[in-house]
Amino acid sequence: MKPGIHPEYYEVSVHCACGAEWKTRSTKKDLHLEICNNCHPFFTGRQKLIDTEGRVDRFTKKFGAQTVEARKAAAKEAKAKKASAKKAN
């Protein structure tokens, strides 16, 4: 590294609006955040899906509330029907 061209690198304490605090390193002397992984709705599980103009309802009516388990069960059922149809012939 060339001397004199890099910014100072400080050990700082990061403060979030929710009260969380942790230490890290940064070129800024202090960091204040509005939101962090402790209070962000995505990470806390409090995230709500916003239904704009009924699009979510329309989608669930069209395709149904599909889950991985439901798709696996439907595939297993279709496979069993196909196998029983082959035995009948």
N, C-alpha and C. Protein backbone atom coordinates (compact mmCIF):
# COMPACT_ATOMS: atom_id res chain seq x y z
N MET A 1 0.83 -1.18 0.00
CA MET A 1 0.00 0.00 0.00
C MET A 1 0.88 1.24 0.00
N LYS A 2 0.50 2.20 -0.77
CA LYS A 2 1.23 3.46 -0.81
C LYS A 2 0.87 4.28 0.41
N PRO A 3 1.85 4.86 1.05
CA PRO A 3 1.55 5.69 2.23
C PRO A 3 0.92 7.03 1.81
N GLY A 4 -0.03 7.50 2.63
CA GLY A 4 -0.59 8.83 2.43
C GLY A 4 -1.79 8.91 1.49
N ILE A 5 -2.18 7.81 0.82
CA ILE A 5 -3.32 7.92 -0.10
C ILE A 5 -4.57 7.23 0.44
N HIS A 6 -4.46 6.46 1.52
CA HIS A 6 -5.60 5.73 2.05
C HIS A 6 -6.21 6.47 3.24
N PRO A 7 -7.52 6.41 3.38
CA PRO A 7 -8.15 7.09 4.52
C PRO A 7 -7.86 6.34 5.82
N GLU A 8 -8.04 7.04 6.93
CA GLU A 8 -7.85 6.43 8.25
C GLU A 8 -8.94 5.37 8.46
N TYR A 9 -8.59 4.31 9.13
CA TYR A 9 -9.50 3.20 9.38
C TYR A 9 -9.65 3.07 10.88
N TYR A 10 -10.86 3.39 11.40
CA TYR A 10 -11.08 3.45 12.83
C TYR A 10 -11.88 2.24 13.31
N GLU A 11 -11.71 1.88 14.58
CA GLU A 11 -12.60 0.92 15.21
C GLU A 11 -13.73 1.75 15.82
N VAL A 12 -14.97 1.49 15.35
CA VAL A 12 -16.11 2.33 15.74
C VAL A 12 -17.18 1.48 16.39
N SER A 13 -18.05 2.15 17.09
CA SER A 13 -19.22 1.53 17.69
C SER A 13 -20.44 1.98 16.88
N VAL A 14 -21.18 1.01 16.34
CA VAL A 14 -22.35 1.30 15.51
C VAL A 14 -23.57 1.33 16.42
N HIS A 15 -24.39 2.37 16.28
CA HIS A 15 -25.60 2.52 17.09
C HIS A 15 -26.82 2.52 16.16
N CYS A 16 -27.80 1.69 16.51
CA CYS A 16 -29.04 1.64 15.74
C CYS A 16 -30.13 2.37 16.52
N ALA A 17 -31.18 2.80 15.82
CA ALA A 17 -32.29 3.49 16.46
C ALA A 17 -33.04 2.58 17.43
N CYS A 18 -32.96 1.25 17.21
CA CYS A 18 -33.66 0.32 18.10
C CYS A 18 -32.89 0.08 19.39
N GLY A 19 -31.67 0.57 19.49
CA GLY A 19 -30.88 0.41 20.70
C GLY A 19 -29.75 -0.59 20.56
N ALA A 20 -29.70 -1.31 19.45
CA ALA A 20 -28.63 -2.29 19.24
C ALA A 20 -27.31 -1.56 19.03
N GLU A 21 -26.25 -2.18 19.51
CA GLU A 21 -24.92 -1.58 19.39
C GLU A 21 -23.90 -2.68 19.20
N TRP A 22 -22.95 -2.48 18.27
CA TRP A 22 -21.88 -3.43 18.06
C TRP A 22 -20.65 -2.70 17.54
N LYS A 23 -19.53 -3.36 17.60
CA LYS A 23 -18.26 -2.76 17.17
C LYS A 23 -17.88 -3.30 15.80
N THR A 24 -17.32 -2.41 14.99
CA THR A 24 -16.81 -2.77 13.67
C THR A 24 -15.71 -1.78 13.31
N ARG A 25 -15.25 -1.85 12.08
CA ARG A 25 -14.23 -0.91 11.62
C ARG A 25 -14.76 -0.15 10.42
N SER A 26 -14.42 1.14 10.34
CA SER A 26 -14.93 1.98 9.28
C SER A 26 -14.02 3.18 9.07
N THR A 27 -14.20 3.85 7.95
CA THR A 27 -13.45 5.08 7.70
C THR A 27 -14.13 6.28 8.35
N LYS A 28 -15.38 6.11 8.79
CA LYS A 28 -16.08 7.17 9.52
C LYS A 28 -15.89 6.94 11.02
N LYS A 29 -15.87 8.01 11.79
CA LYS A 29 -15.60 7.89 13.21
C LYS A 29 -16.79 7.37 14.01
N ASP A 30 -18.00 7.65 13.57
CA ASP A 30 -19.17 7.10 14.27
C ASP A 30 -20.26 6.79 13.26
N LEU A 31 -21.00 5.70 13.52
CA LEU A 31 -22.08 5.27 12.63
C LEU A 31 -23.38 5.18 13.42
N HIS A 32 -24.41 5.83 12.92
CA HIS A 32 -25.74 5.78 13.51
C HIS A 32 -26.70 5.29 12.42
N LEU A 33 -27.38 4.17 12.68
CA LEU A 33 -28.28 3.57 11.71
C LEU A 33 -29.73 3.76 12.14
N GLU A 34 -30.63 3.81 11.15
CA GLU A 34 -32.06 3.88 11.44
C GLU A 34 -32.64 2.48 11.61
N ILE A 35 -32.06 1.51 10.91
CA ILE A 35 -32.60 0.15 10.93
C ILE A 35 -31.45 -0.84 10.77
N CYS A 36 -31.54 -1.96 11.51
CA CYS A 36 -30.50 -2.98 11.45
C CYS A 36 -31.16 -4.35 11.37
N ASN A 37 -30.37 -5.41 11.40
CA ASN A 37 -30.94 -6.75 11.30
C ASN A 37 -31.73 -7.14 12.54
N ASN A 38 -31.56 -6.45 13.66
CA ASN A 38 -32.35 -6.74 14.86
C ASN A 38 -33.75 -6.17 14.79
N CYS A 39 -33.96 -5.11 14.02
CA CYS A 39 -35.27 -4.47 13.99
C CYS A 39 -35.90 -4.45 12.59
N HIS A 40 -35.20 -4.93 11.56
CA HIS A 40 -35.76 -4.93 10.21
C HIS A 40 -36.88 -5.97 10.10
N PRO A 41 -38.03 -5.61 9.53
CA PRO A 41 -39.16 -6.54 9.47
C PRO A 41 -38.86 -7.84 8.74
N PHE A 42 -38.00 -7.83 7.75
CA PHE A 42 -37.68 -9.06 7.02
C PHE A 42 -37.00 -10.07 7.93
N PHE A 43 -36.07 -9.61 8.75
CA PHE A 43 -35.31 -10.51 9.62
C PHE A 43 -36.08 -10.89 10.88
N THR A 44 -36.99 -10.05 11.32
CA THR A 44 -37.74 -10.34 12.54
C THR A 44 -38.99 -11.16 12.27
N GLY A 45 -39.39 -11.30 11.01
CA GLY A 45 -40.57 -12.07 10.68
C GLY A 45 -41.86 -11.29 10.78
N ARG A 46 -41.79 -9.99 10.96
CA ARG A 46 -43.00 -9.16 11.07
C ARG A 46 -43.34 -8.49 9.75
N GLN A 47 -42.73 -8.95 8.66
CA GLN A 47 -42.97 -8.33 7.37
C GLN A 47 -44.36 -8.70 6.88
N LYS A 48 -45.06 -7.71 6.38
CA LYS A 48 -46.40 -7.93 5.86
C LYS A 48 -46.39 -7.74 4.35
N LEU A 49 -47.14 -8.58 3.67
CA LEU A 49 -47.25 -8.46 2.23
C LEU A 49 -48.33 -7.43 1.92
N ILE A 50 -47.97 -6.39 1.21
CA ILE A 50 -48.91 -5.33 0.90
C ILE A 50 -49.67 -5.71 -0.37
N ASP A 51 -50.98 -5.79 -0.27
CA ASP A 51 -51.82 -6.17 -1.39
C ASP A 51 -52.24 -4.92 -2.15
N THR A 52 -51.64 -4.71 -3.31
CA THR A 52 -51.95 -3.55 -4.12
C THR A 52 -53.02 -3.92 -5.13
N GLU A 53 -54.16 -3.30 -5.02
CA GLU A 53 -55.27 -3.47 -5.94
C GLU A 53 -55.72 -4.93 -6.04
N GLY A 54 -55.61 -5.70 -4.96
CA GLY A 54 -56.10 -7.07 -4.95
C GLY A 54 -55.28 -8.05 -5.77
N ARG A 55 -54.05 -7.70 -6.10
CA ARG A 55 -53.23 -8.57 -6.95
C ARG A 55 -52.89 -9.89 -6.27
N VAL A 56 -52.63 -9.85 -4.98
CA VAL A 56 -52.30 -11.08 -4.25
C VAL A 56 -53.51 -11.99 -4.22
N ASP A 57 -54.70 -11.44 -3.95
CA ASP A 57 -55.92 -12.24 -3.95
C ASP A 57 -56.20 -12.84 -5.32
N ARG A 58 -56.00 -12.05 -6.35
CA ARG A 58 -56.22 -12.54 -7.71
C ARG A 58 -55.26 -13.68 -8.05
N PHE A 59 -54.01 -13.55 -7.61
CA PHE A 59 -53.02 -14.59 -7.86
C PHE A 59 -53.39 -15.88 -7.13
N THR A 60 -53.79 -15.76 -5.86
CA THR A 60 -54.14 -16.97 -5.10
C THR A 60 -55.41 -17.62 -5.64
N LYS A 61 -56.34 -16.84 -6.18
CA LYS A 61 -57.53 -17.42 -6.79
C LYS A 61 -57.16 -18.18 -8.07
N LYS A 62 -56.23 -17.61 -8.83
CA LYS A 62 -55.85 -18.22 -10.10
C LYS A 62 -55.01 -19.47 -9.90
N PHE A 63 -54.00 -19.39 -9.04
CA PHE A 63 -53.06 -20.50 -8.88
C PHE A 63 -53.23 -21.24 -7.57
N GLY A 64 -54.00 -20.72 -6.65
CA GLY A 64 -54.18 -21.36 -5.35
C GLY A 64 -52.98 -21.09 -4.46
N ALA A 65 -53.16 -21.34 -3.19
CA ALA A 65 -52.07 -21.15 -2.24
C ALA A 65 -51.18 -22.38 -2.30
N GLN A 66 -50.23 -22.36 -3.19
CA GLN A 66 -49.36 -23.51 -3.40
C GLN A 66 -48.20 -23.49 -2.42
N THR A 67 -47.92 -24.65 -1.87
CA THR A 67 -46.75 -24.80 -1.02
C THR A 67 -45.90 -25.93 -1.57
N VAL A 68 -44.71 -26.04 -1.10
CA VAL A 68 -43.81 -27.09 -1.55
C VAL A 68 -44.40 -28.46 -1.20
N GLU A 69 -44.93 -28.57 0.02
CA GLU A 69 -45.51 -29.84 0.46
C GLU A 69 -46.70 -30.22 -0.41
N ALA A 70 -47.55 -29.26 -0.75
CA ALA A 70 -48.72 -29.54 -1.58
C ALA A 70 -48.30 -30.00 -2.96
N ARG A 71 -47.27 -29.36 -3.53
CA ARG A 71 -46.79 -29.78 -4.85
C ARG A 71 -46.19 -31.17 -4.82
N LYS A 72 -45.44 -31.49 -3.75
CA LYS A 72 -44.86 -32.83 -3.62
C LYS A 72 -45.95 -33.88 -3.48
N ALA A 73 -46.97 -33.57 -2.69
CA ALA A 73 -48.07 -34.51 -2.50
C ALA A 73 -48.83 -34.72 -3.81
N ALA A 74 -49.05 -33.65 -4.58
CA ALA A 74 -49.75 -33.76 -5.86
C ALA A 74 -48.92 -34.58 -6.85
N ALA A 75 -47.61 -34.40 -6.86
CA ALA A 75 -46.75 -35.17 -7.76
C ALA A 75 -46.76 -36.64 -7.38
N LYS A 76 -46.72 -36.93 -6.09
CA LYS A 76 -46.75 -38.31 -5.61
C LYS A 76 -48.08 -38.97 -5.98
N GLU A 77 -49.17 -38.23 -5.84
CA GLU A 77 -50.50 -38.74 -6.18
C GLU A 77 -50.61 -39.01 -7.68
N ALA A 78 -50.09 -38.10 -8.50
CA ALA A 78 -50.12 -38.28 -9.95
C ALA A 78 -49.29 -39.49 -10.36
N LYS A 79 -48.16 -39.69 -9.71
CA LYS A 79 -47.30 -40.83 -10.00
C LYS A 79 -48.00 -42.14 -9.63
N ALA A 80 -48.71 -42.14 -8.51
CA ALA A 80 -49.45 -43.33 -8.07
C ALA A 80 -50.59 -43.64 -9.04
N LYS A 81 -51.28 -42.62 -9.51
CA LYS A 81 -52.37 -42.83 -10.48
C LYS A 81 -51.83 -43.39 -11.78
N LYS A 82 -50.70 -42.88 -12.21
CA LYS A 82 -50.07 -43.34 -13.46
C LYS A 82 -49.65 -44.80 -13.33
N ALA A 83 -49.09 -45.15 -12.17
CA ALA A 83 -48.67 -46.53 -11.93
C ALA A 83 -49.86 -47.47 -11.87
N SER A 84 -50.96 -47.05 -11.24
CA SER A 84 -52.16 -47.90 -11.17
C SER A 84 -52.82 -48.03 -12.53
N ALA A 85 -52.74 -47.02 -13.37
CA ALA A 85 -53.29 -47.08 -14.72
C ALA A 85 -52.50 -48.07 -15.57
N LYS A 86 -51.18 -48.13 -15.39
CA LYS A 86 -50.35 -49.08 -16.13
C LYS A 86 -50.66 -50.51 -15.70
N LYS A 87 -50.90 -50.74 -14.41
CA LYS A 87 -51.23 -52.07 -13.91
C LYS A 87 -52.58 -52.55 -14.45
N ALA A 88 -53.52 -51.62 -14.63
CA ALA A 88 -54.85 -51.98 -15.10
C ALA A 88 -54.82 -52.40 -16.56
N ASN A 89 -53.86 -51.88 -17.32
CA ASN A 89 -53.76 -52.23 -18.75
C ASN A 89 -53.03 -53.50 -18.87
